[in-house]
Amino acid sequence: MSTSIARVPTLSASRYLQQLAKHWSHKMEVSFSPEEGRIAFPNGSVLTMRADSATLDVMLVVPESEDMGRMREVVASHLDRFAFREAPLTFDWQEQAGA
């Protein structure tokens, strides 16, 4: 498994977290609250999110057999769609050591 994390500056983190979770809840295993969310993709990838007043922290865990770059783009493009007033959001993806 590969893990990437990003801290996305936005004052609307909770709203975007909830919109993304609701959007994908029809196709994927999703659990969320206003502060935290978890989305399990059919390909085995898992997105976890944590919202506070100034940032949306995202962590993406992707199986070795899947394309991390493509999964990052899927997540970022969907969040940008919900954040259209301030898009594009800034995703400074970092590989997490030891993951």
C-alpha atoms as a PDB file:
ATOM      1  CA  MET A   1       0.000   0.000   0.000  1.00  0.00           C
ATOM      2  CA  SER A   2       1.130   3.542  -0.769  1.00  0.00           C
ATOM      3  CA  THR A   3      -0.015   6.530   1.281  1.00  0.00           C
ATOM      4  CA  SER A   4      -0.226  10.182   0.257  1.00  0.00           C
ATOM      5  CA  ILE A   5      -1.328  13.035   2.483  1.00  0.00           C
ATOM      6  CA  ALA A   6      -2.231  16.636   1.765  1.00  0.00           C
ATOM      7  CA  ARG A   7      -3.316  19.601   3.859  1.00  0.00           C
ATOM      8  CA  VAL A   8      -5.714  21.678   1.770  1.00  0.00           C
ATOM      9  CA  PRO A   9      -6.264  25.260   2.943  1.00  0.00           C
ATOM     10  CA  THR A  10      -9.971  26.175   2.844  1.00  0.00           C
ATOM     11  CA  LEU A  11     -12.475  27.788   5.175  1.00  0.00           C
ATOM     12  CA  SER A  12     -15.158  25.392   3.861  1.00  0.00           C
ATOM     13  CA  ALA A  13     -13.481  22.084   4.722  1.00  0.00           C
ATOM     14  CA  SER A  14     -16.442  20.545   6.526  1.00  0.00           C
ATOM     15  CA  ARG A  15     -18.848  21.413   3.730  1.00  0.00           C
ATOM     16  CA  TYR A  16     -16.576  19.916   1.057  1.00  0.00           C
ATOM     17  CA  LEU A  17     -15.942  16.780   3.121  1.00  0.00           C
ATOM     18  CA  GLN A  18     -19.680  16.191   3.517  1.00  0.00           C
ATOM     19  CA  GLN A  19     -20.478  16.947  -0.127  1.00  0.00           C
ATOM     20  CA  LEU A  20     -17.824  14.519  -1.372  1.00  0.00           C
ATOM     21  CA  ALA A  21     -18.950  11.807   1.048  1.00  0.00           C
ATOM     22  CA  LYS A  22     -22.602  12.183   0.047  1.00  0.00           C
ATOM     23  CA  HIS A  23     -21.660  12.247  -3.640  1.00  0.00           C
ATOM     24  CA  TRP A  24     -19.771   8.949  -3.432  1.00  0.00           C
ATOM     25  CA  SER A  25     -22.104   7.253  -0.923  1.00  0.00           C
ATOM     26  CA  HIS A  26     -24.237   5.907  -3.773  1.00  0.00           C
ATOM     27  CA  LYS A  27     -21.355   3.897  -5.230  1.00  0.00           C
ATOM     28  CA  MET A  28     -18.911   3.259  -2.382  1.00  0.00           C
ATOM     29  CA  GLU A  29     -18.667   2.409   1.295  1.00  0.00           C
ATOM     30  CA  VAL A  30     -18.792   5.800   3.041  1.00  0.00           C
ATOM     31  CA  SER A  31     -18.943   7.011   6.635  1.00  0.00           C
ATOM     32  CA  PHE A  32     -18.735  10.646   7.682  1.00  0.00           C
ATOM     33  CA  SER A  33     -19.506  13.369  10.177  1.00  0.00           C
ATOM     34  CA  PRO A  34     -18.974  17.134   9.783  1.00  0.00           C
ATOM     35  CA  GLU A  35     -15.386  16.675  11.003  1.00  0.00           C
ATOM     36  CA  GLU A  36     -14.254  13.310   9.573  1.00  0.00           C
ATOM     37  CA  GLY A  37     -14.935  11.087   6.612  1.00  0.00           C
ATOM     38  CA  ARG A  38     -13.851   7.744   5.182  1.00  0.00           C
ATOM     39  CA  ILE A  39     -14.464   6.508   1.646  1.00  0.00           C
ATOM     40  CA  ALA A  40     -13.527   2.997   0.512  1.00  0.00           C
ATOM     41  CA  PHE A  41     -13.123   2.685  -3.262  1.00  0.00           C
ATOM     42  CA  PRO A  42     -13.895  -0.539  -5.163  1.00  0.00           C
ATOM     43  CA  ASN A  43     -10.209  -0.814  -6.200  1.00  0.00           C
ATOM     44  CA  GLY A  44      -9.123  -1.133  -2.544  1.00  0.00           C
ATOM     45  CA  SER A  45      -8.065   2.505  -2.098  1.00  0.00           C
ATOM     46  CA  VAL A  46      -9.239   4.366   1.012  1.00  0.00           C
ATOM     47  CA  LEU A  47      -9.623   8.130   1.428  1.00  0.00           C
ATOM     48  CA  THR A  48      -9.847   9.580   4.927  1.00  0.00           C
ATOM     49  CA  MET A  49     -10.533  13.253   5.544  1.00  0.00           C
ATOM     50  CA  ARG A  50     -10.457  15.515   8.579  1.00  0.00           C
ATOM     51  CA  ALA A  51     -11.899  19.028   8.533  1.00  0.00           C
ATOM     52  CA  ASP A  52     -11.159  21.948  10.822  1.00  0.00           C
ATOM     53  CA  SER A  53     -11.835  25.666  10.533  1.00  0.00           C
ATOM     54  CA  ALA A  54      -8.921  26.355   8.165  1.00  0.00           C
ATOM     55  CA  THR A  55      -7.929  23.115   6.414  1.00  0.00           C
ATOM     56  CA  LEU A  56      -9.103  19.843   4.980  1.00  0.00           C
ATOM     57  CA  ASP A  57      -6.568  17.103   5.693  1.00  0.00           C
ATOM     58  CA  VAL A  58      -6.765  14.185   3.289  1.00  0.00           C
ATOM     59  CA  MET A  59      -4.996  10.841   3.413  1.00  0.00           C
ATOM     60  CA  LEU A  60      -5.166   8.492   0.448  1.00  0.00           C
ATOM     61  CA  VAL A  61      -4.083   4.860   0.793  1.00  0.00           C
ATOM     62  CA  VAL A  62      -3.753   3.050  -2.523  1.00  0.00           C
ATOM     63  CA  PRO A  63      -2.849  -0.595  -3.220  1.00  0.00           C
ATOM     64  CA  GLU A  64       0.491  -1.081  -4.989  1.00  0.00           C
ATOM     65  CA  SER A  65      -1.379  -2.411  -8.035  1.00  0.00           C
ATOM     66  CA  GLU A  66      -3.232   0.899  -8.511  1.00  0.00           C
ATOM     67  CA  ASP A  67      -2.075   4.261  -9.904  1.00  0.00           C
ATOM     68  CA  MET A  68      -1.524   6.749  -7.053  1.00  0.00           C
ATOM     69  CA  GLY A  69      -1.343   9.706  -9.440  1.00  0.00           C
ATOM     70  CA  ARG A  70      -4.696   8.850 -10.981  1.00  0.00           C
ATOM     71  CA  MET A  71      -6.316   8.419  -7.556  1.00  0.00           C
ATOM     72  CA  ARG A  72      -4.919  11.775  -6.380  1.00  0.00           C
ATOM     73  CA  GLU A  73      -6.412  13.405  -9.484  1.00  0.00           C
ATOM     74  CA  VAL A  74      -9.809  11.745  -8.904  1.00  0.00           C
ATOM     75  CA  VAL A  75      -9.935  13.072  -5.336  1.00  0.00           C
ATOM     76  CA  ALA A  76      -8.647  16.562  -6.218  1.00  0.00           C
ATOM     77  CA  SER A  77     -10.917  17.012  -9.240  1.00  0.00           C
ATOM     78  CA  HIS A  78     -14.018  16.000  -7.302  1.00  0.00           C
ATOM     79  CA  LEU A  79     -13.193  18.328  -4.406  1.00  0.00           C
ATOM     80  CA  ASP A  80     -12.495  21.141  -6.880  1.00  0.00           C
ATOM     81  CA  ARG A  81     -15.932  20.567  -8.385  1.00  0.00           C
ATOM     82  CA  PHE A  82     -17.554  21.206  -4.991  1.00  0.00           C
ATOM     83  CA  ALA A  83     -15.194  24.123  -4.302  1.00  0.00           C
ATOM     84  CA  PHE A  84     -15.907  25.830  -7.627  1.00  0.00           C
ATOM     85  CA  ARG A  85     -16.002  29.275  -6.003  1.00  0.00           C
ATOM     86  CA  GLU A  86     -12.418  28.935  -4.786  1.00  0.00           C
ATOM     87  CA  ALA A  87     -11.057  26.232  -7.107  1.00  0.00           C
ATOM     88  CA  PRO A  88      -8.550  25.086  -7.819  1.00  0.00           C
ATOM     89  CA  LEU A  89      -7.777  24.053  -4.263  1.00  0.00           C
ATOM     90  CA  THR A  90      -4.121  23.624  -3.325  1.00  0.00           C
ATOM     91  CA  PHE A  91      -3.123  19.979  -2.889  1.00  0.00           C
ATOM     92  CA  ASP A  92       0.497  19.628  -1.779  1.00  0.00           C
ATOM     93  CA  TRP A  93       0.565  15.825  -1.897  1.00  0.00           C
ATOM     94  CA  GLN A  94       3.326  14.159   0.107  1.00  0.00           C
ATOM     95  CA  GLU A  95       4.225  10.505   0.302  1.00  0.00           C
ATOM     96  CA  GLN A  96       3.912   9.304   3.881  1.00  0.00           C
ATOM     97  CA  ALA A  97       7.063   7.543   5.075  1.00  0.00           C
ATOM     98  CA  GLY A  98       6.741   4.025   6.327  1.00  0.00           C
ATOM     99  CA  ALA A  99       3.324   3.473   4.839  1.00  0.00           C
END
